[in-house]
């Protein structure tokens, strides 16, 4: 089974499985397909994280997060008054060194079975022309104004000067040619030769600083996954440079001390405990977590049972703790647009990938002559430590900008194993700062509340991230009585409302659940309309 945010891409993954490929092969092919049919998030101009669990129990995690160009400086996004500018979110200077192709190449090198070219071929076919569906038409139309600001983006995504419409054949010949070079030359087809020349020329044209040396030096890194227990289950997730696995683990360790399943689902007591645990986990996340190649991280303590108990002891059941009173608890530190796909093959091998270009259509810059959007991932650094980024995250010195450093991420691709050591869940989501709380809710929905995969994915969501100090909730998802009760405890409540093109929902979960009889059930989030495809 393959579950992603787009039916074209999910179908490509299943096509690879039917051809005898394994879960990693399907993950590579699906990722490249998303770069074509999901340009606002699926990418070759960004980066991501991959968590793997093989049928024999072997686990691995691959960090192919973008890196800061070598010419970056700590204060490069501050104006003369010391205020953050939009240069970290928009245009050429916002671009980190793309890691996606390096990551997919490395995953295939270690675990792939089919030929590399065979895995890239379906994406090439899609780039030569696919029929626009409602999803693509809507997303490109929403980005029209920003895409028009760069001639290369306008040419690539607004054929004949306007967004493509449902039923139209959308052709991306420059992207097809780029994918052809990647298919023929692998990693070298992106980081060297014509594609690299086009990227560097685009940087020079727009005042960016990414160079050939940056591209040549990009490598994906294998890291040990975070593995913790939660009510007898094993959660396998991504370690730093992702903050997702560590923060998810910290939340789980705090909340494991409560019988959540005995509370009414999304009752005032349930939501209160979630918010209190989350604000404590995010306080530690924002202080300590960063690129482990640059910063020493107190990871083992942060995800321990003992530390979870310490943090839990500071939670009052009848009142909210103000976030300004919830500081980091570990002692002195030595600290989007995104999409997810979940895959399980016939042998039981599982892959969870979350990949991103950060904002909706990233930097909005398309590489002229190459046909793909570049990320604006530099905003995920602390451009001004102690002040919020575009997601409202207030991060510390550990995540300050440095040349060659990977910026902190909230992406949380996760695999859950049941108490019998059998695969249970493969799950992940986009959503910027909301990703980690979203993932905890999906896991808790299944383990604590006994939900099936579709019921769990479709359940309403809430969010708290320490700062700003408020509980966000999806439109109409909490009753007025629950909202009033939470306000009486001291929580500020913030119902997310659609205004214009603002997305009011939390995340876009893609999940696979193994049922007791060994069959697979998949769910693609109804909020955006992807597809679970299996056989």
Protein backbone atom coordinates (compact mmCIF):
# COMPACT_ATOMS: atom_id res chain seq x y z
CA UNK A 1 0.00 0.00 0.00
CA UNK A 2 1.09 3.56 -0.76
CA UNK A 3 -0.62 6.58 0.82
CA UNK A 4 0.28 10.10 -0.28
CA UNK A 5 -1.38 13.45 -0.79
CA UNK A 6 -1.92 12.79 -4.52
CA UNK A 7 -3.49 9.85 -6.33
CA UNK A 8 -1.08 10.08 -9.28
CA UNK A 9 1.88 9.67 -6.94
CA UNK A 10 0.31 6.87 -4.88
CA UNK A 11 -0.46 4.99 -8.10
CA UNK A 12 3.17 5.34 -9.20
CA UNK A 13 4.33 3.79 -5.93
CA UNK A 14 2.00 0.82 -6.31
CA UNK A 15 3.16 0.41 -9.92
CA UNK A 16 6.71 -0.03 -8.59
CA UNK A 17 5.57 -2.53 -5.94
CA UNK A 18 3.72 -4.55 -8.58
CA UNK A 19 6.89 -4.57 -10.68
CA UNK A 20 8.73 -6.30 -7.84
CA UNK A 21 10.19 -3.26 -6.12
CA UNK A 22 10.43 -3.01 -2.36
CA UNK A 23 9.13 -0.25 -0.08
CA UNK A 24 12.25 1.90 -0.56
CA UNK A 25 11.99 1.60 -4.34
CA UNK A 26 8.36 2.69 -4.15
CA UNK A 27 9.29 5.56 -1.82
CA UNK A 28 11.87 6.87 -4.29
CA UNK A 29 9.46 6.67 -7.23
CA UNK A 30 6.58 8.23 -5.28
CA UNK A 31 8.82 11.07 -4.11
CA UNK A 32 9.87 11.93 -7.65
CA UNK A 33 6.25 11.73 -8.81
CA UNK A 34 5.21 14.19 -6.08
CA UNK A 35 7.83 16.61 -7.41
CA UNK A 36 5.75 16.73 -10.60
CA UNK A 37 2.10 16.56 -9.47
CA UNK A 38 2.43 18.29 -6.07
CA UNK A 39 4.79 21.19 -6.87
CA UNK A 40 3.76 23.27 -3.85
CA UNK A 41 5.39 20.72 -1.54
CA UNK A 42 6.62 17.56 -3.29
CA UNK A 43 10.07 18.42 -4.44
CA UNK A 44 13.55 18.01 -5.78
CA UNK A 45 14.33 21.57 -4.72
CA UNK A 46 14.06 20.90 -0.99
CA UNK A 47 14.82 18.09 1.44
CA UNK A 48 13.34 15.67 3.92
CA UNK A 49 13.60 12.76 6.31
CA UNK A 50 13.06 9.01 5.87
CA UNK A 51 12.34 6.41 8.54
CA UNK A 52 12.63 2.74 7.55
CA UNK A 53 11.65 -0.45 9.34
CA UNK A 54 12.35 -3.70 7.51
CA UNK A 55 10.30 -6.82 8.03
CA UNK A 56 13.16 -8.37 10.03
CA UNK A 57 13.04 -5.52 12.54
CA UNK A 58 16.01 -3.54 11.19
CA UNK A 59 15.45 0.20 11.51
CA UNK A 60 17.18 3.19 9.94
CA UNK A 61 16.64 6.91 9.49
CA UNK A 62 18.03 9.14 6.76
CA UNK A 63 18.54 12.89 7.13
CA UNK A 64 18.49 14.71 3.80
CA UNK A 65 17.51 18.05 5.23
CA UNK A 66 18.72 21.13 3.37
CA UNK A 67 21.88 22.92 4.55
CA UNK A 68 22.86 26.56 4.77
CA UNK A 69 25.08 27.70 1.88
CA UNK A 70 28.71 28.22 2.84
CA UNK A 71 28.40 31.98 2.31
CA UNK A 72 25.66 32.43 4.91
CA UNK A 73 26.19 34.66 7.92
CA UNK A 74 24.47 34.66 11.28
CA UNK A 75 22.69 38.02 10.87
CA UNK A 76 22.04 37.91 7.13
CA UNK A 77 18.27 38.42 7.48
CA UNK A 78 18.37 41.41 9.85
CA UNK A 79 17.97 45.01 8.69
CA UNK A 80 19.89 48.00 10.05
CA UNK A 81 17.48 48.17 13.00
CA UNK A 82 18.07 44.51 13.83
CA UNK A 83 14.61 43.44 12.64
CA UNK A 84 13.95 40.33 10.57
CA UNK A 85 13.25 40.93 6.87
CA UNK A 86 11.26 38.79 4.42
CA UNK A 87 14.49 37.69 2.71
CA UNK A 88 14.42 34.44 4.71
CA UNK A 89 11.01 33.48 3.32
CA UNK A 90 10.80 34.91 -0.19
CA UNK A 91 13.18 34.91 -3.13
CA UNK A 92 16.66 33.64 -3.89
CA UNK A 93 18.37 34.45 -0.58
CA UNK A 94 15.92 32.19 1.29
CA UNK A 95 17.17 29.02 -0.44
CA UNK A 96 19.00 26.27 1.41
CA UNK A 97 21.06 23.66 -0.45
CA UNK A 98 18.55 21.06 -1.72
CA UNK A 99 18.99 17.58 -0.25
CA UNK A 100 16.13 15.60 -1.80
CA UNK A 101 17.99 13.97 -4.69
CA UNK A 102 20.98 13.15 -2.49
CA UNK A 103 18.67 11.49 0.02
CA UNK A 104 16.71 9.43 -2.46
CA UNK A 105 19.94 8.36 -4.17
CA UNK A 106 21.46 7.26 -0.84
CA UNK A 107 18.32 5.36 0.22
CA UNK A 108 18.32 3.52 -3.10
CA UNK A 109 22.05 2.79 -2.85
CA UNK A 110 21.58 1.06 0.50
CA UNK A 111 18.16 -0.56 0.22
CA UNK A 112 16.90 -0.36 -3.37
CA UNK A 113 16.33 -3.39 -5.59
CA UNK A 114 15.10 -2.09 -8.96
CA UNK A 115 17.26 0.10 -11.19
CA UNK A 116 17.44 3.82 -10.42
CA UNK A 117 16.29 4.78 -13.90
CA UNK A 118 13.22 2.57 -13.55
CA UNK A 119 12.22 4.50 -10.42
CA UNK A 120 12.57 7.96 -11.97
CA UNK A 121 10.82 7.01 -15.23
CA UNK A 122 7.20 7.39 -13.98
CA UNK A 123 7.89 10.97 -12.85
CA UNK A 124 9.39 11.75 -16.26
CA UNK A 125 6.22 10.46 -17.89
CA UNK A 126 4.06 12.66 -15.67
CA UNK A 127 6.22 15.71 -16.39
CA UNK A 128 5.68 15.18 -20.10
CA UNK A 129 1.98 15.68 -19.47
CA UNK A 130 -0.76 14.76 -16.99
CA UNK A 131 -4.40 15.75 -16.70
CA UNK A 132 -4.98 18.50 -14.16
CA UNK A 133 -7.33 17.50 -11.37
CA UNK A 134 -9.17 19.74 -8.95
CA UNK A 135 -6.37 19.56 -6.41
CA UNK A 136 -3.62 20.83 -8.73
CA UNK A 137 -5.89 23.50 -10.22
CA UNK A 138 -6.78 24.81 -6.77
CA UNK A 139 -3.22 24.89 -5.43
CA UNK A 140 -1.68 26.63 -8.44
CA UNK A 141 -4.53 29.13 -8.55
CA UNK A 142 -4.01 29.95 -4.87
CA UNK A 143 -0.33 30.71 -5.54
CA UNK A 144 -0.91 32.66 -8.77
CA UNK A 145 -0.05 36.10 -7.41
CA UNK A 146 3.26 34.99 -5.91
CA UNK A 147 4.23 32.86 -8.90
CA UNK A 148 3.83 35.87 -11.17
CA UNK A 149 6.59 37.67 -9.27
CA UNK A 150 9.24 35.47 -10.90
CA UNK A 151 9.21 35.06 -14.71
CA UNK A 152 10.51 31.49 -14.53
CA UNK A 153 7.74 30.48 -12.10
CA UNK A 154 5.09 32.19 -14.20
CA UNK A 155 6.31 30.39 -17.31
CA UNK A 156 6.39 26.99 -15.59
CA UNK A 157 3.07 27.06 -13.74
CA UNK A 158 0.86 29.57 -15.54
CA UNK A 159 0.76 28.33 -19.15
CA UNK A 160 -0.81 30.84 -21.52
CA UNK A 161 -0.64 33.37 -18.71
CA UNK A 162 -3.17 31.76 -16.37
CA UNK A 163 -3.47 28.81 -13.97
CA UNK A 164 -4.27 25.45 -15.59
CA UNK A 165 -7.85 24.26 -15.27
CA UNK A 166 -9.36 20.87 -14.47
CA UNK A 167 -9.10 18.52 -17.46
CA UNK A 168 -6.25 20.42 -19.11
CA UNK A 169 -3.05 18.54 -19.94
CA UNK A 170 -0.24 20.14 -17.93
CA UNK A 171 3.20 19.76 -19.49
CA UNK A 172 6.51 20.51 -17.80
CA UNK A 173 9.18 19.85 -20.45
CA UNK A 174 12.02 21.51 -18.52
CA UNK A 175 11.28 19.42 -15.45
CA UNK A 176 11.08 16.29 -17.63
CA UNK A 177 14.55 17.07 -18.96
CA UNK A 178 15.88 17.60 -15.42
CA UNK A 179 14.42 14.27 -14.33
CA UNK A 180 15.97 12.68 -17.39
CA UNK A 181 19.41 13.85 -16.31
CA UNK A 182 18.79 12.50 -12.80
CA UNK A 183 17.60 9.17 -14.23
CA UNK A 184 20.70 8.87 -16.42
CA UNK A 185 23.36 10.09 -14.00
CA UNK A 186 21.85 9.61 -10.54
CA UNK A 187 23.06 12.06 -7.93
CA UNK A 188 25.46 13.61 -10.43
CA UNK A 189 22.55 14.49 -12.69
CA UNK A 190 21.44 17.07 -10.15
CA UNK A 191 24.47 18.27 -8.21
CA UNK A 192 26.83 18.48 -11.19
CA UNK A 193 26.55 19.22 -14.88
CA UNK A 194 23.73 21.12 -16.56
CA UNK A 195 21.22 21.04 -13.68
CA UNK A 196 23.81 22.38 -11.24
CA UNK A 197 24.78 25.08 -13.75
CA UNK A 198 21.14 26.13 -14.07
CA UNK A 199 20.71 26.32 -10.29
CA UNK A 200 23.82 28.46 -9.84
CA UNK A 201 22.83 30.71 -12.76
CA UNK A 202 19.40 31.21 -11.13
CA UNK A 203 21.11 32.15 -7.88
CA UNK A 204 23.35 34.68 -9.60
CA UNK A 205 20.41 36.15 -11.49
CA UNK A 206 18.39 36.73 -8.30
CA UNK A 207 21.07 37.64 -5.78
CA UNK A 208 21.27 34.24 -4.09
CA UNK A 209 24.45 32.81 -2.58
CA UNK A 210 24.23 29.06 -3.31
CA UNK A 211 27.25 27.87 -5.33
CA UNK A 212 28.64 24.82 -7.12
CA UNK A 213 30.67 24.02 -3.99
CA UNK A 214 27.47 23.93 -1.94
CA UNK A 215 25.85 21.51 -4.38
CA UNK A 216 28.92 19.25 -4.60
CA UNK A 217 29.14 19.10 -0.83
CA UNK A 218 25.54 18.07 -0.14
CA UNK A 219 25.32 14.61 1.43
CA UNK A 220 22.54 12.70 3.11
CA UNK A 221 23.35 11.35 6.59
CA UNK A 222 22.24 8.07 8.18
CA UNK A 223 21.33 8.60 11.83
CA UNK A 224 20.10 6.30 14.58
CA UNK A 225 16.30 6.55 14.83
CA UNK A 226 14.67 7.62 18.06
CA UNK A 227 12.94 4.57 19.54
CA UNK A 228 10.85 4.85 22.72
CA UNK A 229 8.06 2.85 24.33
CA UNK A 230 4.52 4.17 24.75
CA UNK A 231 2.06 1.89 26.55
CA UNK A 232 3.95 -1.20 25.38
CA UNK A 233 4.22 0.00 21.78
CA UNK A 234 7.47 1.12 20.15
CA UNK A 235 7.57 4.51 18.43
CA UNK A 236 10.30 4.76 15.79
CA UNK A 237 10.85 8.32 14.61
CA UNK A 238 13.32 10.80 13.22
CA UNK A 239 16.17 12.18 15.35
CA UNK A 240 17.69 15.66 14.99
CA UNK A 241 18.14 17.53 12.64
CA UNK A 242 14.42 16.84 12.86
CA UNK A 243 12.95 17.94 16.15
CA UNK A 244 9.96 15.71 15.50
CA UNK A 245 10.99 12.41 17.02
CA UNK A 246 12.52 13.89 20.17
CA UNK A 247 9.58 16.21 20.82
CA UNK A 248 7.05 13.46 20.07
CA UNK A 249 8.91 11.21 22.51
CA UNK A 250 8.94 13.93 25.18
CA UNK A 251 5.19 14.41 24.82
CA UNK A 252 4.58 10.67 25.02
CA UNK A 253 6.67 10.31 28.16
CA UNK A 254 4.75 13.09 29.91
CA UNK A 255 1.32 11.84 28.84
CA UNK A 256 2.02 8.16 29.46
CA UNK A 257 1.40 8.89 33.14
CA UNK A 258 -2.28 9.65 32.50
CA UNK A 259 -5.05 7.26 31.44
CA UNK A 260 -6.08 9.33 28.43
CA UNK A 261 -8.49 6.68 27.20
CA UNK A 262 -10.63 7.09 30.30
CA UNK A 263 -11.24 10.75 29.50
CA UNK A 264 -13.89 11.85 27.07
CA UNK A 265 -12.31 12.34 23.66
CA UNK A 266 -11.52 16.06 23.29
CA UNK A 267 -13.17 16.77 26.61
CA UNK A 268 -11.83 19.77 28.52
CA UNK A 269 -9.67 17.45 30.65
CA UNK A 270 -8.25 15.67 27.60
CA UNK A 271 -7.40 18.86 25.69
CA UNK A 272 -5.99 20.48 28.85
CA UNK A 273 -3.53 17.62 29.40
CA UNK A 274 -2.47 17.63 25.75
CA UNK A 275 -1.81 21.37 25.82
CA UNK A 276 0.11 21.25 29.09
CA UNK A 277 2.35 18.40 27.90
CA UNK A 278 2.89 19.97 24.51
CA UNK A 279 3.91 23.39 25.83
CA UNK A 280 6.56 21.71 28.02
CA UNK A 281 7.88 19.55 25.19
CA UNK A 282 8.04 22.54 22.82
CA UNK A 283 9.86 24.67 25.41
CA UNK A 284 12.64 22.07 25.44
CA UNK A 285 12.50 21.60 21.67
CA UNK A 286 12.94 25.30 20.98
CA UNK A 287 15.85 25.60 23.38
CA UNK A 288 17.97 22.52 22.87
CA UNK A 289 17.35 20.91 19.49
CA UNK A 290 19.39 21.76 16.40
CA UNK A 291 21.84 20.16 13.95
CA UNK A 292 23.68 17.51 16.03
CA UNK A 293 26.78 17.99 13.88
CA UNK A 294 27.04 21.54 15.30
CA UNK A 295 25.46 21.38 18.78
CA UNK A 296 25.59 18.95 21.69
CA UNK A 297 22.01 17.88 22.49
CA UNK A 298 20.78 16.40 25.81
CA UNK A 299 18.68 13.94 23.81
CA UNK A 300 18.83 10.87 26.05
CA UNK A 301 17.52 12.78 29.05
CA UNK A 302 14.89 14.68 27.08
CA UNK A 303 13.17 11.45 25.98
CA UNK A 304 13.61 9.49 29.21
CA UNK A 305 10.89 8.16 31.51
CA UNK A 306 12.44 10.03 34.43
CA UNK A 307 12.38 13.40 32.73
CA UNK A 308 8.82 12.83 31.52
CA UNK A 309 7.80 12.22 35.13
CA UNK A 310 9.54 15.41 36.25
CA UNK A 311 7.72 17.48 33.66
CA UNK A 312 4.41 15.76 34.41
CA UNK A 313 4.72 16.65 38.10
CA UNK A 314 4.50 20.35 37.23
CA UNK A 315 1.06 20.02 35.54
CA UNK A 316 -2.02 21.06 37.50
CA UNK A 317 -5.28 19.36 36.54
CA UNK A 318 -7.46 22.42 37.20
CA UNK A 319 -5.54 25.30 35.67
CA UNK A 320 -3.30 26.20 32.74
CA UNK A 321 0.35 26.93 33.42
CA UNK A 322 1.24 30.18 31.58
CA UNK A 323 3.85 29.47 28.91
CA UNK A 324 6.11 32.18 30.26
CA UNK A 325 6.33 30.06 33.43
CA UNK A 326 7.15 26.92 31.42
CA UNK A 327 10.80 27.27 30.57
CA UNK A 328 13.18 24.59 29.39
CA UNK A 329 13.69 22.06 32.12
CA UNK A 330 16.92 20.32 31.17
CA UNK A 331 19.42 22.85 32.52
CA UNK A 332 21.90 24.92 30.47
CA UNK A 333 22.15 23.89 26.83
CA UNK A 334 25.61 22.61 25.64
CA UNK A 335 19.97 24.73 20.98
CA UNK A 336 5.04 24.65 5.90
CA UNK A 337 4.93 23.56 2.51
CA UNK A 338 5.47 19.92 3.36
CA UNK A 339 4.07 16.53 2.36
CA UNK A 340 4.20 12.98 3.70
CA UNK A 341 4.00 9.50 2.21
CA UNK A 342 3.65 6.11 3.91
CA UNK A 343 4.48 2.79 2.25
CA UNK A 344 4.32 -0.89 3.21
CA UNK A 345 5.37 -3.58 0.73
CA UNK A 346 4.23 -7.20 0.45
CA UNK A 347 7.08 -8.39 2.69
CA UNK A 348 6.16 -6.00 5.50
CA UNK A 349 8.96 -3.50 4.93
CA UNK A 350 7.77 0.01 5.87
CA UNK A 351 8.91 3.50 4.89
CA UNK A 352 7.74 6.87 6.20
CA UNK A 353 8.95 10.01 4.42
CA UNK A 354 8.20 13.63 5.17
CA UNK A 355 9.62 16.07 2.65
CA UNK A 356 9.39 19.83 2.27
CA UNK A 357 10.22 23.08 0.54
CA UNK A 358 8.92 24.86 3.66
CA UNK A 359 6.33 27.45 2.59
CA UNK A 360 3.58 26.99 0.00
CA UNK A 361 5.63 26.83 -3.25
CA UNK A 362 8.77 27.44 -1.17
CA UNK A 363 10.75 30.55 -2.14
CA UNK A 364 8.40 30.96 -5.16
CA UNK A 365 11.53 30.79 -7.35
CA UNK A 366 11.62 28.26 -10.21
CA UNK A 367 15.04 27.40 -11.62
CA UNK A 368 14.93 28.79 -15.14
CA UNK A 369 15.54 26.00 -17.64
CA UNK A 370 15.13 23.26 -15.01
CA UNK A 371 11.44 23.58 -14.13
CA UNK A 372 11.38 23.05 -10.35
CA UNK A 373 10.67 25.27 -7.36
CA UNK A 374 13.40 25.98 -4.79
CA UNK A 375 12.85 25.87 -1.04
CA UNK A 376 12.82 28.77 1.43
CA UNK A 377 14.17 26.62 4.21
CA UNK A 378 16.53 29.25 5.64
CA UNK A 379 13.56 30.61 7.62
CA UNK A 380 13.67 27.47 9.78
CA UNK A 381 16.85 28.77 11.40
CA UNK A 382 16.67 31.25 14.24
CA UNK A 383 17.33 34.28 12.08
CA UNK A 384 16.92 36.30 15.27
CA UNK A 385 17.11 33.97 18.29
CA UNK A 386 14.26 34.56 20.70
CA UNK A 387 11.89 35.91 18.04
CA UNK A 388 9.25 33.99 16.04
CA UNK A 389 9.69 32.62 12.52
CA UNK A 390 6.83 32.37 9.99
CA UNK A 391 5.26 29.51 12.00
CA UNK A 392 5.37 31.45 15.27
CA UNK A 393 8.14 29.22 16.66
CA UNK A 394 10.44 31.08 19.03
CA UNK A 395 13.77 29.26 18.90
CA UNK A 396 17.10 29.67 20.64
CA UNK A 397 20.81 30.04 19.99
CA UNK A 398 21.35 26.36 19.17
CA UNK A 399 19.46 26.83 15.88
CA UNK A 400 21.20 30.05 14.85
CA UNK A 401 22.45 30.32 11.26
CA UNK A 402 25.89 28.91 10.44
CA UNK A 403 27.53 27.92 7.12
CA UNK A 404 26.87 24.28 6.20
CA UNK A 405 24.47 23.77 9.11
CA UNK A 406 21.13 22.00 8.72
CA UNK A 407 18.15 24.00 9.98
CA UNK A 408 15.87 22.48 12.60
CA UNK A 409 12.65 20.89 11.36
CA UNK A 410 9.36 19.72 12.85
CA UNK A 411 8.92 16.88 10.33
CA UNK A 412 8.05 13.63 12.12
CA UNK A 413 7.85 10.55 9.88
CA UNK A 414 7.02 7.75 12.32
CA UNK A 415 6.54 3.99 12.41
CA UNK A 416 4.75 2.31 15.35
CA UNK A 417 5.26 -1.32 16.34
CA UNK A 418 2.77 -3.12 18.59
CA UNK A 419 3.62 -5.01 21.83
CA UNK A 420 4.05 -8.23 19.81
CA UNK A 421 6.74 -6.53 17.70
CA UNK A 422 4.46 -6.42 14.67
CA UNK A 423 4.10 -3.36 12.46
CA UNK A 424 1.08 -1.27 13.50
CA UNK A 425 1.27 2.22 11.95
CA UNK A 426 3.19 4.14 9.32
CA UNK A 427 2.24 7.78 9.62
CA UNK A 428 3.25 11.38 9.03
CA UNK A 429 1.94 14.80 8.03
CA UNK A 430 2.87 18.28 6.87
CA UNK A 431 1.87 21.29 8.94
CA UNK A 432 4.93 23.23 10.06
CA UNK A 433 4.91 23.65 13.83
CA UNK A 434 1.70 21.58 14.11
CA UNK A 435 3.25 18.40 12.71
CA UNK A 436 4.44 16.96 16.02
CA UNK A 437 1.20 17.49 17.95
CA UNK A 438 -0.72 16.16 14.96
CA UNK A 439 1.36 12.97 14.96
CA UNK A 440 0.89 12.45 18.69
CA UNK A 441 -2.88 12.72 18.21
CA UNK A 442 -2.87 10.13 15.41
CA UNK A 443 -0.88 7.68 17.52
CA UNK A 444 -2.93 8.33 20.64
CA UNK A 445 -6.18 7.99 18.70
CA UNK A 446 -5.22 4.42 17.86
CA UNK A 447 -3.44 3.34 21.05
CA UNK A 448 -5.42 5.23 23.70
CA UNK A 449 -8.87 5.47 22.10
CA UNK A 450 -8.97 2.33 19.93
CA UNK A 451 -9.72 4.16 16.69
CA UNK A 452 -9.26 2.67 13.24
CA UNK A 453 -6.92 4.42 10.84
CA UNK A 454 -9.56 6.40 8.96
CA UNK A 455 -11.43 7.42 12.10
CA UNK A 456 -8.15 8.54 13.65
CA UNK A 457 -7.06 10.54 10.61
CA UNK A 458 -10.44 12.23 10.21
CA UNK A 459 -10.79 13.12 13.91
CA UNK A 460 -10.65 16.87 14.70
CA UNK A 461 -7.30 18.25 15.88
CA UNK A 462 -5.95 20.74 18.37
CA UNK A 463 -2.49 22.28 18.80
CA UNK A 464 -0.26 24.10 21.29
CA UNK A 465 3.42 24.97 20.72
CA UNK A 466 4.44 26.82 23.92
CA UNK A 467 4.54 30.24 22.23
CA UNK A 468 2.22 31.83 21.37
CA UNK A 469 0.42 30.67 24.51
CA UNK A 470 -2.88 29.47 23.05
CA UNK A 471 -4.74 26.32 22.08
CA UNK A 472 -5.59 26.29 18.39
CA UNK A 473 -8.46 24.10 17.22
CA UNK A 474 -10.00 23.31 13.85
CA UNK A 475 -13.25 25.01 12.79
CA UNK A 476 -16.17 23.79 14.90
CA UNK A 477 -14.17 20.92 16.39
CA UNK A 478 -14.65 21.77 20.08
CA UNK A 479 -18.06 22.33 21.64
CA UNK A 480 -18.81 25.74 23.21
CA UNK A 481 -18.98 24.03 26.60
CA UNK A 482 -15.45 22.59 26.23
CA UNK A 483 -14.09 25.93 25.01
CA UNK A 484 -15.65 27.70 28.02
CA UNK A 485 -14.25 25.12 30.45
CA UNK A 486 -10.76 25.49 29.02
CA UNK A 487 -10.99 29.26 29.17
CA UNK A 488 -12.01 28.97 32.82
CA UNK A 489 -8.79 27.03 33.44
CA UNK A 490 -6.82 29.93 31.97
CA UNK A 491 -6.27 28.74 28.40
CA UNK A 492 -6.51 31.20 25.53
CA UNK A 493 -8.56 29.56 22.77
CA UNK A 494 -8.03 30.21 19.06
CA UNK A 495 -10.44 28.68 16.53
CA UNK A 496 -8.76 28.50 13.13
CA UNK A 497 -11.02 30.17 10.58
CA UNK A 498 -10.64 30.18 6.81
CA UNK A 499 -9.93 33.69 5.59
CA UNK A 500 -9.19 34.02 1.90
CA UNK A 501 -6.61 31.39 0.99
CA UNK A 502 -5.58 30.64 4.60
CA UNK A 503 -5.77 26.88 5.28
CA UNK A 504 -7.83 26.46 8.49
CA UNK A 505 -7.09 22.80 9.15
CA UNK A 506 -4.20 21.13 10.95
CA UNK A 507 -2.10 18.87 8.74
CA UNK A 508 -2.61 16.38 5.92
CA UNK A 509 -2.03 12.94 7.42
CA UNK A 510 -1.07 9.94 5.28
CA UNK A 511 -1.33 6.73 7.30
CA UNK A 512 -1.22 2.95 6.95
CA UNK A 513 -2.39 0.61 9.71
CA UNK A 514 -1.76 -3.11 9.90
CA UNK A 515 -4.89 -4.90 11.07
CA UNK A 516 -4.87 -7.94 13.39
CA UNK A 517 -5.31 -10.33 10.44
CA UNK A 518 -2.25 -8.85 8.69
CA UNK A 519 -4.14 -6.90 6.04
CA UNK A 520 -3.47 -3.20 5.54
CA UNK A 521 -5.85 -0.27 5.93
CA UNK A 522 -4.83 3.13 4.54
CA UNK A 523 -6.19 6.63 4.99
CA UNK A 524 -5.30 9.82 3.16
CA UNK A 525 -6.50 12.91 4.96
CA UNK A 526 -9.94 14.13 3.80
CA UNK A 527 -8.77 17.69 4.49
CA UNK A 528 -6.82 17.84 1.21
CA UNK A 529 -7.88 14.77 -0.69
CA UNK A 530 -4.97 12.45 -1.42
CA UNK A 531 -5.24 8.72 -2.00
CA UNK A 532 -4.48 5.37 -0.39
CA UNK A 533 -3.71 2.84 -3.14
CA UNK A 534 -3.05 -0.83 -2.45
CA UNK A 535 -3.53 -4.33 -3.78
